Amino acid sequence: MFKALGDPVRLRLLSLVASHAGGEACVCDISGSFDLSQPTISHHLKVLRDAGLVDCERRGTWVYYWVVPSALQQLSSVLVIEGGPAAVPSTCAEVTA
């Protein structure tokens, strides 16, 4: 999943789909946000789908995508640090000290 999100276009696509009204988006709804062709956007969405991050359904000639909540939960659980938030240094001096 993280490998799929390593591409900035796919990360942005996931964000756009997740934040779209109704929780789902058609390629036609989000393609205007990119300077990419529709087939390229569809390829990136396929990578996200293959990684289990989004799912889709064909409705007529359009394909609608939505984020898989359990996938986001799984990503989130990997990033959680036991015992609370990580101690993040407030200055560079703390990192080198």
PDB file of N, CA and C in Angstrom:
ATOM      1  N   MET A   1       0.822  -1.193   0.000  1.00  0.00           N
ATOM      2  CA  MET A   1       0.000   0.000   0.000  1.00  0.00           C
ATOM      3  C   MET A   1       0.869   1.262   0.000  1.00  0.00           C
ATOM      4  N   PHE A   2       1.923   1.243   0.820  1.00  0.00           N
ATOM      5  CA  PHE A   2       2.780   2.423   0.867  1.00  0.00           C
ATOM      6  C   PHE A   2       3.505   2.632  -0.463  1.00  0.00           C
ATOM      7  N   LYS A   3       3.865   1.554  -1.130  1.00  0.00           N
ATOM      8  CA  LYS A   3       4.515   1.671  -2.431  1.00  0.00           C
ATOM      9  C   LYS A   3       3.571   2.348  -3.433  1.00  0.00           C
ATOM     10  N   ALA A   4       2.312   1.967  -3.407  1.00  0.00           N
ATOM     11  CA  ALA A   4       1.334   2.589  -4.303  1.00  0.00           C
ATOM     12  C   ALA A   4       1.180   4.077  -3.996  1.00  0.00           C
ATOM     13  N   LEU A   5       1.259   4.436  -2.726  1.00  0.00           N
ATOM     14  CA  LEU A   5       1.104   5.834  -2.326  1.00  0.00           C
ATOM     15  C   LEU A   5       2.397   6.628  -2.463  1.00  0.00           C
ATOM     16  N   GLY A   6       3.491   5.948  -2.835  1.00  0.00           N
ATOM     17  CA  GLY A   6       4.766   6.624  -3.009  1.00  0.00           C
ATOM     18  C   GLY A   6       4.789   7.561  -4.204  1.00  0.00           C
ATOM     19  N   ASP A   7       3.855   7.400  -5.095  1.00  0.00           N
ATOM     20  CA  ASP A   7       3.761   8.280  -6.262  1.00  0.00           C
ATOM     21  C   ASP A   7       2.869   9.465  -5.897  1.00  0.00           C
ATOM     22  N   PRO A   8       3.340  10.702  -6.084  1.00  0.00           N
ATOM     23  CA  PRO A   8       2.541  11.878  -5.701  1.00  0.00           C
ATOM     24  C   PRO A   8       1.180  11.952  -6.405  1.00  0.00           C
ATOM     25  N   VAL A   9       1.106  11.487  -7.633  1.00  0.00           N
ATOM     26  CA  VAL A   9      -0.171  11.510  -8.352  1.00  0.00           C
ATOM     27  C   VAL A   9      -1.163  10.585  -7.666  1.00  0.00           C
ATOM     28  N   ARG A  10      -0.726   9.390  -7.291  1.00  0.00           N
ATOM     29  CA  ARG A  10      -1.637   8.443  -6.645  1.00  0.00           C
ATOM     30  C   ARG A  10      -2.046   8.924  -5.257  1.00  0.00           C
ATOM     31  N   LEU A  11      -1.124   9.535  -4.538  1.00  0.00           N
ATOM     32  CA  LEU A  11      -1.470  10.073  -3.222  1.00  0.00           C
ATOM     33  C   LEU A  11      -2.531  11.164  -3.360  1.00  0.00           C
ATOM     34  N   ARG A  12      -2.361  12.015  -4.347  1.00  0.00           N
ATOM     35  CA  ARG A  12      -3.349  13.080  -4.585  1.00  0.00           C
ATOM     36  C   ARG A  12      -4.685  12.503  -5.051  1.00  0.00           C
ATOM     37  N   LEU A  13      -4.635  11.487  -5.906  1.00  0.00           N
ATOM     38  CA  LEU A  13      -5.868  10.826  -6.356  1.00  0.00           C
ATOM     39  C   LEU A  13      -6.629  10.255  -5.171  1.00  0.00           C
ATOM     40  N   LEU A  14      -5.928   9.573  -4.281  1.00  0.00           N
ATOM     41  CA  LEU A  14      -6.578   8.993  -3.107  1.00  0.00           C
ATOM     42  C   LEU A  14      -7.233  10.094  -2.270  1.00  0.00           C
ATOM     43  N   SER A  15      -6.526  11.186  -2.102  1.00  0.00           N
ATOM     44  CA  SER A  15      -7.066  12.306  -1.333  1.00  0.00           C
ATOM     45  C   SER A  15      -8.301  12.896  -2.007  1.00  0.00           C
ATOM     46  N   LEU A  16      -8.258  13.062  -3.323  1.00  0.00           N
ATOM     47  CA  LEU A  16      -9.406  13.618  -4.047  1.00  0.00           C
ATOM     48  C   LEU A  16     -10.618  12.694  -3.979  1.00  0.00           C
ATOM     49  N   VAL A  17     -10.387  11.407  -4.129  1.00  0.00           N
ATOM     50  CA  VAL A  17     -11.502  10.452  -4.055  1.00  0.00           C
ATOM     51  C   VAL A  17     -12.092  10.465  -2.648  1.00  0.00           C
ATOM     52  N   ALA A  18     -11.230  10.437  -1.638  1.00  0.00           N
ATOM     53  CA  ALA A  18     -11.702  10.399  -0.246  1.00  0.00           C
ATOM     54  C   ALA A  18     -12.480  11.648   0.134  1.00  0.00           C
ATOM     55  N   SER A  19     -12.087  12.784  -0.412  1.00  0.00           N
ATOM     56  CA  SER A  19     -12.735  14.036  -0.020  1.00  0.00           C
ATOM     57  C   SER A  19     -13.863  14.447  -0.955  1.00  0.00           C
ATOM     58  N   HIS A  20     -14.121  13.666  -1.995  1.00  0.00           N
ATOM     59  CA  HIS A  20     -15.175  14.014  -2.950  1.00  0.00           C
ATOM     60  C   HIS A  20     -16.550  13.855  -2.303  1.00  0.00           C
ATOM     61  N   ALA A  21     -17.475  14.688  -2.705  1.00  0.00           N
ATOM     62  CA  ALA A  21     -18.840  14.639  -2.176  1.00  0.00           C
ATOM     63  C   ALA A  21     -19.424  13.246  -2.340  1.00  0.00           C
ATOM     64  N   GLY A  22     -19.975  12.718  -1.285  1.00  0.00           N
ATOM     65  CA  GLY A  22     -20.568  11.387  -1.322  1.00  0.00           C
ATOM     66  C   GLY A  22     -19.560  10.267  -1.112  1.00  0.00           C
ATOM     67  N   GLY A  23     -18.279  10.618  -0.991  1.00  0.00           N
ATOM     68  CA  GLY A  23     -17.260   9.618  -0.720  1.00  0.00           C
ATOM     69  C   GLY A  23     -16.845   8.777  -1.908  1.00  0.00           C
ATOM     70  N   GLU A  24     -17.311   9.148  -3.099  1.00  0.00           N
ATOM     71  CA  GLU A  24     -16.914   8.421  -4.301  1.00  0.00           C
ATOM     72  C   GLU A  24     -16.794   9.410  -5.447  1.00  0.00           C
ATOM     73  N   ALA A  25     -15.945   9.051  -6.418  1.00  0.00           N
ATOM     74  CA  ALA A  25     -15.719   9.949  -7.540  1.00  0.00           C
ATOM     75  C   ALA A  25     -15.524   9.155  -8.817  1.00  0.00           C
ATOM     76  N   CYS A  26     -15.959   9.752  -9.898  1.00  0.00           N
ATOM     77  CA  CYS A  26     -15.758   9.205 -11.230  1.00  0.00           C
ATOM     78  C   CYS A  26     -14.463   9.808 -11.776  1.00  0.00           C
ATOM     79  N   VAL A  27     -13.809   9.092 -12.667  1.00  0.00           N
ATOM     80  CA  VAL A  27     -12.598   9.623 -13.289  1.00  0.00           C
ATOM     81  C   VAL A  27     -12.887  10.992 -13.903  1.00  0.00           C
ATOM     82  N   CYS A  28     -14.067  11.144 -14.480  1.00  0.00           N
ATOM     83  CA  CYS A  28     -14.426  12.425 -15.104  1.00  0.00           C
ATOM     84  C   CYS A  28     -14.496  13.552 -14.073  1.00  0.00           C
ATOM     85  N   ASP A  29     -14.771  13.218 -12.802  1.00  0.00           N
ATOM     86  CA  ASP A  29     -14.871  14.225 -11.749  1.00  0.00           C
ATOM     87  C   ASP A  29     -13.506  14.742 -11.307  1.00  0.00           C
ATOM     88  N   ILE A  30     -12.484  13.906 -11.410  1.00  0.00           N
ATOM     89  CA  ILE A  30     -11.178  14.277 -10.849  1.00  0.00           C
ATOM     90  C   ILE A  30     -10.085  14.502 -11.892  1.00  0.00           C
ATOM     91  N   SER A  31     -10.329  14.120 -13.120  1.00  0.00           N
ATOM     92  CA  SER A  31      -9.282  14.238 -14.134  1.00  0.00           C
ATOM     93  C   SER A  31      -8.901  15.690 -14.416  1.00  0.00           C
ATOM     94  N   GLY A  32      -9.809  16.622 -14.215  1.00  0.00           N
ATOM     95  CA  GLY A  32      -9.510  18.035 -14.436  1.00  0.00           C
ATOM     96  C   GLY A  32      -8.501  18.604 -13.451  1.00  0.00           C
ATOM     97  N   SER A  33      -8.254  17.897 -12.361  1.00  0.00           N
ATOM     98  CA  SER A  33      -7.303  18.349 -11.344  1.00  0.00           C
ATOM     99  C   SER A  33      -5.857  18.033 -11.713  1.00  0.00           C
ATOM    100  N   PHE A  34      -5.655  17.320 -12.820  1.00  0.00           N
ATOM    101  CA  PHE A  34      -4.321  16.878 -13.219  1.00  0.00           C
ATOM    102  C   PHE A  34      -4.033  17.305 -14.653  1.00  0.00           C
ATOM    103  N   ASP A  35      -2.764  17.468 -14.935  1.00  0.00           N
ATOM    104  CA  ASP A  35      -2.328  17.723 -16.304  1.00  0.00           C
ATOM    105  C   ASP A  35      -1.881  16.390 -16.907  1.00  0.00           C
ATOM    106  N   LEU A  36      -2.773  15.394 -16.817  1.00  0.00           N
ATOM    107  CA  LEU A  36      -2.504  14.040 -17.299  1.00  0.00           C
ATOM    108  C   LEU A  36      -3.679  13.584 -18.151  1.00  0.00           C
ATOM    109  N   SER A  37      -3.420  12.634 -19.027  1.00  0.00           N
ATOM    110  CA  SER A  37      -4.509  12.100 -19.846  1.00  0.00           C
ATOM    111  C   SER A  37      -5.407  11.203 -18.995  1.00  0.00           C
ATOM    112  N   GLN A  38      -6.629  11.012 -19.448  1.00  0.00           N
ATOM    113  CA  GLN A  38      -7.575  10.152 -18.729  1.00  0.00           C
ATOM    114  C   GLN A  38      -7.051   8.721 -18.616  1.00  0.00           C
ATOM    115  N   PRO A  39      -6.427   8.145 -19.667  1.00  0.00           N
ATOM    116  CA  PRO A  39      -5.882   6.787 -19.503  1.00  0.00           C
ATOM    117  C   PRO A  39      -4.782   6.706 -18.440  1.00  0.00           C
ATOM    118  N   THR A  40      -3.985   7.765 -18.310  1.00  0.00           N
ATOM    119  CA  THR A  40      -2.934   7.771 -17.281  1.00  0.00           C
ATOM    120  C   THR A  40      -3.557   7.807 -15.895  1.00  0.00           C
ATOM    121  N   ILE A  41      -4.587   8.612 -15.722  1.00  0.00           N
ATOM    122  CA  ILE A  41      -5.280   8.675 -14.434  1.00  0.00           C
ATOM    123  C   ILE A  41      -5.918   7.319 -14.134  1.00  0.00           C
ATOM    124  N   SER A  42      -6.520   6.706 -15.127  1.00  0.00           N
ATOM    125  CA  SER A  42      -7.119   5.383 -14.928  1.00  0.00           C
ATOM    126  C   SER A  42      -6.065   4.356 -14.536  1.00  0.00           C
ATOM    127  N   HIS A  43      -4.873   4.462 -15.108  1.00  0.00           N
ATOM    128  CA  HIS A  43      -3.783   3.546 -14.732  1.00  0.00           C
ATOM    129  C   HIS A  43      -3.431   3.724 -13.262  1.00  0.00           C
ATOM    130  N   HIS A  44      -3.288   4.973 -12.821  1.00  0.00           N
ATOM    131  CA  HIS A  44      -2.953   5.227 -11.420  1.00  0.00           C
ATOM    132  C   HIS A  44      -4.059   4.719 -10.490  1.00  0.00           C
ATOM    133  N   LEU A  45      -5.298   4.889 -10.890  1.00  0.00           N
ATOM    134  CA  LEU A  45      -6.406   4.364 -10.088  1.00  0.00           C
ATOM    135  C   LEU A  45      -6.378   2.835 -10.038  1.00  0.00           C
ATOM    136  N   LYS A  46      -5.965   2.203 -11.118  1.00  0.00           N
ATOM    137  CA  LYS A  46      -5.840   0.747 -11.136  1.00  0.00           C
ATOM    138  C   LYS A  46      -4.756   0.291 -10.152  1.00  0.00           C
ATOM    139  N   VAL A  47      -3.657   1.016 -10.086  1.00  0.00           N
ATOM    140  CA  VAL A  47      -2.593   0.685  -9.126  1.00  0.00           C
ATOM    141  C   VAL A  47      -3.135   0.798  -7.699  1.00  0.00           C
ATOM    142  N   LEU A  48      -3.898   1.862  -7.434  1.00  0.00           N
ATOM    143  CA  LEU A  48      -4.500   2.023  -6.107  1.00  0.00           C
ATOM    144  C   LEU A  48      -5.490   0.898  -5.812  1.00  0.00           C
ATOM    145  N   ARG A  49      -6.229   0.497  -6.836  1.00  0.00           N
ATOM    146  CA  ARG A  49      -7.190  -0.603  -6.662  1.00  0.00           C
ATOM    147  C   ARG A  49      -6.468  -1.918  -6.417  1.00  0.00           C
ATOM    148  N   ASP A  50      -5.418  -2.185  -7.177  1.00  0.00           N
ATOM    149  CA  ASP A  50      -4.641  -3.413  -6.991  1.00  0.00           C
ATOM    150  C   ASP A  50      -3.992  -3.475  -5.610  1.00  0.00           C
ATOM    151  N   ALA A  51      -3.678  -2.306  -5.045  1.00  0.00           N
ATOM    152  CA  ALA A  51      -3.094  -2.245  -3.704  1.00  0.00           C
ATOM    153  C   ALA A  51      -4.160  -2.365  -2.614  1.00  0.00           C
ATOM    154  N   GLY A  52      -5.434  -2.363  -3.000  1.00  0.00           N
ATOM    155  CA  GLY A  52      -6.516  -2.492  -2.030  1.00  0.00           C
ATOM    156  C   GLY A  52      -6.922  -1.195  -1.366  1.00  0.00           C
ATOM    157  N   LEU A  53      -6.452  -0.067  -1.897  1.00  0.00           N
ATOM    158  CA  LEU A  53      -6.764   1.220  -1.289  1.00  0.00           C
ATOM    159  C   LEU A  53      -8.087   1.809  -1.752  1.00  0.00           C
ATOM    160  N   VAL A  54      -8.472   1.513  -2.977  1.00  0.00           N
ATOM    161  CA  VAL A  54      -9.760   1.961  -3.494  1.00  0.00           C
ATOM    162  C   VAL A  54     -10.476   0.777  -4.122  1.00  0.00           C
ATOM    163  N   ASP A  55     -11.772   0.923  -4.250  1.00  0.00           N
ATOM    164  CA  ASP A  55     -12.578  -0.060  -4.958  1.00  0.00           C
ATOM    165  C   ASP A  55     -13.408   0.714  -5.973  1.00  0.00           C
ATOM    166  N   CYS A  56     -14.029   0.000  -6.885  1.00  0.00           N
ATOM    167  CA  CYS A  56     -14.759   0.705  -7.931  1.00  0.00           C
ATOM    168  C   CYS A  56     -15.963  -0.097  -8.392  1.00  0.00           C
ATOM    169  N   GLU A  57     -16.819   0.610  -9.139  1.00  0.00           N
ATOM    170  CA  GLU A  57     -18.013  -0.002  -9.713  1.00  0.00           C
ATOM    171  C   GLU A  57     -18.325   0.719 -11.016  1.00  0.00           C
ATOM    172  N   ARG A  58     -18.577  -0.051 -12.065  1.00  0.00           N
ATOM    173  CA  ARG A  58     -18.961   0.530 -13.348  1.00  0.00           C
ATOM    174  C   ARG A  58     -20.453   0.844 -13.313  1.00  0.00           C
ATOM    175  N   ARG A  59     -20.775   2.058 -13.725  1.00  0.00           N
ATOM    176  CA  ARG A  59     -22.166   2.493 -13.846  1.00  0.00           C
ATOM    177  C   ARG A  59     -22.337   3.097 -15.227  1.00  0.00           C
ATOM    178  N   GLY A  60     -22.881   2.309 -16.123  1.00  0.00           N
ATOM    179  CA  GLY A  60     -22.996   2.747 -17.513  1.00  0.00           C
ATOM    180  C   GLY A  60     -21.624   2.824 -18.136  1.00  0.00           C
ATOM    181  N   THR A  61     -21.269   3.994 -18.638  1.00  0.00           N
ATOM    182  CA  THR A  61     -19.953   4.159 -19.258  1.00  0.00           C
ATOM    183  C   THR A  61     -18.906   4.672 -18.286  1.00  0.00           C
ATOM    184  N   TRP A  62     -19.309   5.013 -17.063  1.00  0.00           N
ATOM    185  CA  TRP A  62     -18.395   5.583 -16.084  1.00  0.00           C
ATOM    186  C   TRP A  62     -18.025   4.563 -15.015  1.00  0.00           C
ATOM    187  N   VAL A  63     -16.832   4.740 -14.446  1.00  0.00           N
ATOM    188  CA  VAL A  63     -16.385   3.911 -13.328  1.00  0.00           C
ATOM    189  C   VAL A  63     -16.231   4.833 -12.135  1.00  0.00           C
ATOM    190  N   TYR A  64     -16.884   4.482 -11.039  1.00  0.00           N
ATOM    191  CA  TYR A  64     -16.832   5.272  -9.811  1.00  0.00           C
ATOM    192  C   TYR A  64     -15.918   4.590  -8.812  1.00  0.00           C
ATOM    193  N   TYR A  65     -15.094   5.391  -8.140  1.00  0.00           N
ATOM    194  CA  TYR A  65     -14.115   4.893  -7.171  1.00  0.00           C
ATOM    195  C   TYR A  65     -14.423   5.435  -5.788  1.00  0.00           C
ATOM    196  N   TRP A  66     -14.099   4.641  -4.772  1.00  0.00           N
ATOM    197  CA  TRP A  66     -14.205   5.078  -3.380  1.00  0.00           C
ATOM    198  C   TRP A  66     -13.066   4.452  -2.608  1.00  0.00           C
ATOM    199  N   VAL A  67     -12.701   5.084  -1.500  1.00  0.00           N
ATOM    200  CA  VAL A  67     -11.616   4.606  -0.648  1.00  0.00           C
ATOM    201  C   VAL A  67     -12.129   3.446   0.201  1.00  0.00           C
ATOM    202  N   VAL A  68     -11.299   2.444   0.368  1.00  0.00           N
ATOM    203  CA  VAL A  68     -11.634   1.288   1.212  1.00  0.00           C
ATOM    204  C   VAL A  68     -11.256   1.651   2.653  1.00  0.00           C
ATOM    205  N   PRO A  69     -12.256   1.845   3.529  1.00  0.00           N
ATOM    206  CA  PRO A  69     -11.957   2.287   4.899  1.00  0.00           C
ATOM    207  C   PRO A  69     -11.008   1.352   5.654  1.00  0.00           C
ATOM    208  N   SER A  70     -11.146   0.058   5.473  1.00  0.00           N
ATOM    209  CA  SER A  70     -10.268  -0.869   6.201  1.00  0.00           C
ATOM    210  C   SER A  70      -8.812  -0.724   5.762  1.00  0.00           C
ATOM    211  N   ALA A  71      -8.590  -0.328   4.516  1.00  0.00           N
ATOM    212  CA  ALA A  71      -7.223  -0.112   4.042  1.00  0.00           C
ATOM    213  C   ALA A  71      -6.607   1.105   4.730  1.00  0.00           C
ATOM    214  N   LEU A  72      -7.388   2.174   4.863  1.00  0.00           N
ATOM    215  CA  LEU A  72      -6.888   3.347   5.577  1.00  0.00           C
ATOM    216  C   LEU A  72      -6.635   3.032   7.043  1.00  0.00           C
ATOM    217  N   GLN A  73      -7.490   2.209   7.621  1.00  0.00           N
ATOM    218  CA  GLN A  73      -7.311   1.791   9.012  1.00  0.00           C
ATOM    219  C   GLN A  73      -6.012   1.004   9.159  1.00  0.00           C
ATOM    220  N   GLN A  74      -5.748   0.129   8.198  1.00  0.00           N
ATOM    221  CA  GLN A  74      -4.528  -0.672   8.238  1.00  0.00           C
ATOM    222  C   GLN A  74      -3.287   0.220   8.118  1.00  0.00           C
ATOM    223  N   LEU A  75      -3.313   1.173   7.212  1.00  0.00           N
ATOM    224  CA  LEU A  75      -2.194   2.107   7.082  1.00  0.00           C
ATOM    225  C   LEU A  75      -1.998   2.905   8.357  1.00  0.00           C
ATOM    226  N   SER A  76      -3.094   3.350   8.914  1.00  0.00           N
ATOM    227  CA  SER A  76      -3.037   4.132  10.139  1.00  0.00           C
ATOM    228  C   SER A  76      -2.449   3.334  11.291  1.00  0.00           C
ATOM    229  N   SER A  77      -2.826   2.072  11.401  1.00  0.00           N
ATOM    230  CA  SER A  77      -2.327   1.255  12.510  1.00  0.00           C
ATOM    231  C   SER A  77      -0.828   1.007  12.394  1.00  0.00           C
ATOM    232  N   VAL A  78      -0.302   0.986  11.190  1.00  0.00           N
ATOM    233  CA  VAL A  78       1.136   0.803  11.001  1.00  0.00           C
ATOM    234  C   VAL A  78       1.888   2.044  11.464  1.00  0.00           C
ATOM    235  N   LEU A  79       1.279   3.205  11.292  1.00  0.00           N
ATOM    236  CA  LEU A  79       1.935   4.460  11.632  1.00  0.00           C
ATOM    237  C   LEU A  79       1.793   4.863  13.097  1.00  0.00           C
ATOM    238  N   VAL A  80       0.920   4.208  13.835  1.00  0.00           N
ATOM    239  CA  VAL A  80       0.705   4.546  15.237  1.00  0.00           C
ATOM    240  C   VAL A  80       1.882   4.039  16.054  1.00  0.00           C
ATOM    241  N   ILE A  81       2.370   4.898  16.937  1.00  0.00           N
ATOM    242  CA  ILE A  81       3.459   4.524  17.830  1.00  0.00           C
ATOM    243  C   ILE A  81       2.852   4.170  19.176  1.00  0.00           C
ATOM    244  N   GLU A  82       3.197   2.998  19.689  1.00  0.00           N
ATOM    245  CA  GLU A  82       2.672   2.561  20.981  1.00  0.00           C
ATOM    246  C   GLU A  82       3.029   3.585  22.056  1.00  0.00           C
ATOM    247  N   GLY A  83       2.103   3.867  22.934  1.00  0.00           N
ATOM    248  CA  GLY A  83       2.352   4.775  24.038  1.00  0.00           C
ATOM    249  C   GLY A  83       2.085   6.229  23.711  1.00  0.00           C
ATOM    250  N   GLY A  84       1.583   6.529  22.537  1.00  0.00           N
ATOM    251  CA  GLY A  84       1.245   7.903  22.213  1.00  0.00           C
ATOM    252  C   GLY A  84       2.070   8.445  21.070  1.00  0.00           C
ATOM    253  N   PRO A  85       1.939   9.746  20.833  1.00  0.00           N
ATOM    254  CA  PRO A  85       2.639  10.354  19.712  1.00  0.00           C
ATOM    255  C   PRO A  85       4.146  10.337  19.915  1.00  0.00           C
ATOM    256  N   ALA A  86       4.871  10.305  18.832  1.00  0.00           N
ATOM    257  CA  ALA A  86       6.329  10.307  18.892  1.00  0.00           C
ATOM    258  C   ALA A  86       6.815  11.665  19.355  1.00  0.00           C
ATOM    259  N   ALA A  87       7.940  11.659  20.034  1.00  0.00           N
ATOM    260  CA  ALA A  87       8.553  12.913  20.446  1.00  0.00           C
ATOM    261  C   ALA A  87       9.268  13.497  19.237  1.00  0.00           C
ATOM    262  N   VAL A  88       8.754  14.605  18.744  1.00  0.00           N
ATOM    263  CA  VAL A  88       9.327  15.242  17.572  1.00  0.00           C
ATOM    264  C   VAL A  88      10.132  16.435  18.038  1.00  0.00           C
ATOM    265  N   PRO A  89      11.412  16.507  17.688  1.00  0.00           N
ATOM    266  CA  PRO A  89      12.223  17.654  18.101  1.00  0.00           C
ATOM    267  C   PRO A  89      11.653  18.952  17.547  1.00  0.00           C
ATOM    268  N   SER A  90      11.693  20.004  18.365  1.00  0.00           N
ATOM    269  CA  SER A  90      11.136  21.277  17.917  1.00  0.00           C
ATOM    270  C   SER A  90      12.164  22.109  17.169  1.00  0.00           C
ATOM    271  N   THR A  91      13.440  21.787  17.304  1.00  0.00           N
ATOM    272  CA  THR A  91      14.480  22.517  16.579  1.00  0.00           C
ATOM    273  C   THR A  91      15.514  21.560  16.043  1.00  0.00           C
ATOM    274  N   CYS A  92      16.290  22.032  15.115  1.00  0.00           N
ATOM    275  CA  CYS A  92      17.357  21.190  14.551  1.00  0.00           C
ATOM    276  C   CYS A  92      18.424  20.921  15.595  1.00  0.00           C
ATOM    277  N   ALA A  93      18.603  21.840  16.556  1.00  0.00           N
ATOM    278  CA  ALA A  93      19.619  21.669  17.595  1.00  0.00           C
ATOM    279  C   ALA A  93      19.326  20.412  18.418  1.00  0.00           C
ATOM    280  N   GLU A  94      18.054  20.126  18.654  1.00  0.00           N
ATOM    281  CA  GLU A  94      17.691  18.943  19.428  1.00  0.00           C
ATOM    282  C   GLU A  94      18.041  17.657  18.679  1.00  0.00           C
ATOM    283  N   VAL A  95      18.009  17.707  17.350  1.00  0.00           N
ATOM    284  CA  VAL A  95      18.316  16.536  16.543  1.00  0.00           C
ATOM    285  C   VAL A  95      19.798  16.227  16.610  1.00  0.00           C
ATOM    286  N   THR A  96      20.628  17.263  16.588  1.00  0.00           N
ATOM    287  CA  THR A  96      22.069  17.065  16.582  1.00  0.00           C
ATOM    288  C   THR A  96      22.647  16.921  17.977  1.00  0.00           C
ATOM    289  N   ALA A  97      21.907  17.262  19.009  1.00  0.00           N
ATOM    290  CA  ALA A  97      22.407  17.210  20.377  1.00  0.00           C
ATOM    291  C   ALA A  97      22.566  15.806  20.875  1.00  0.00           C
TER     292      ALA A  97
END
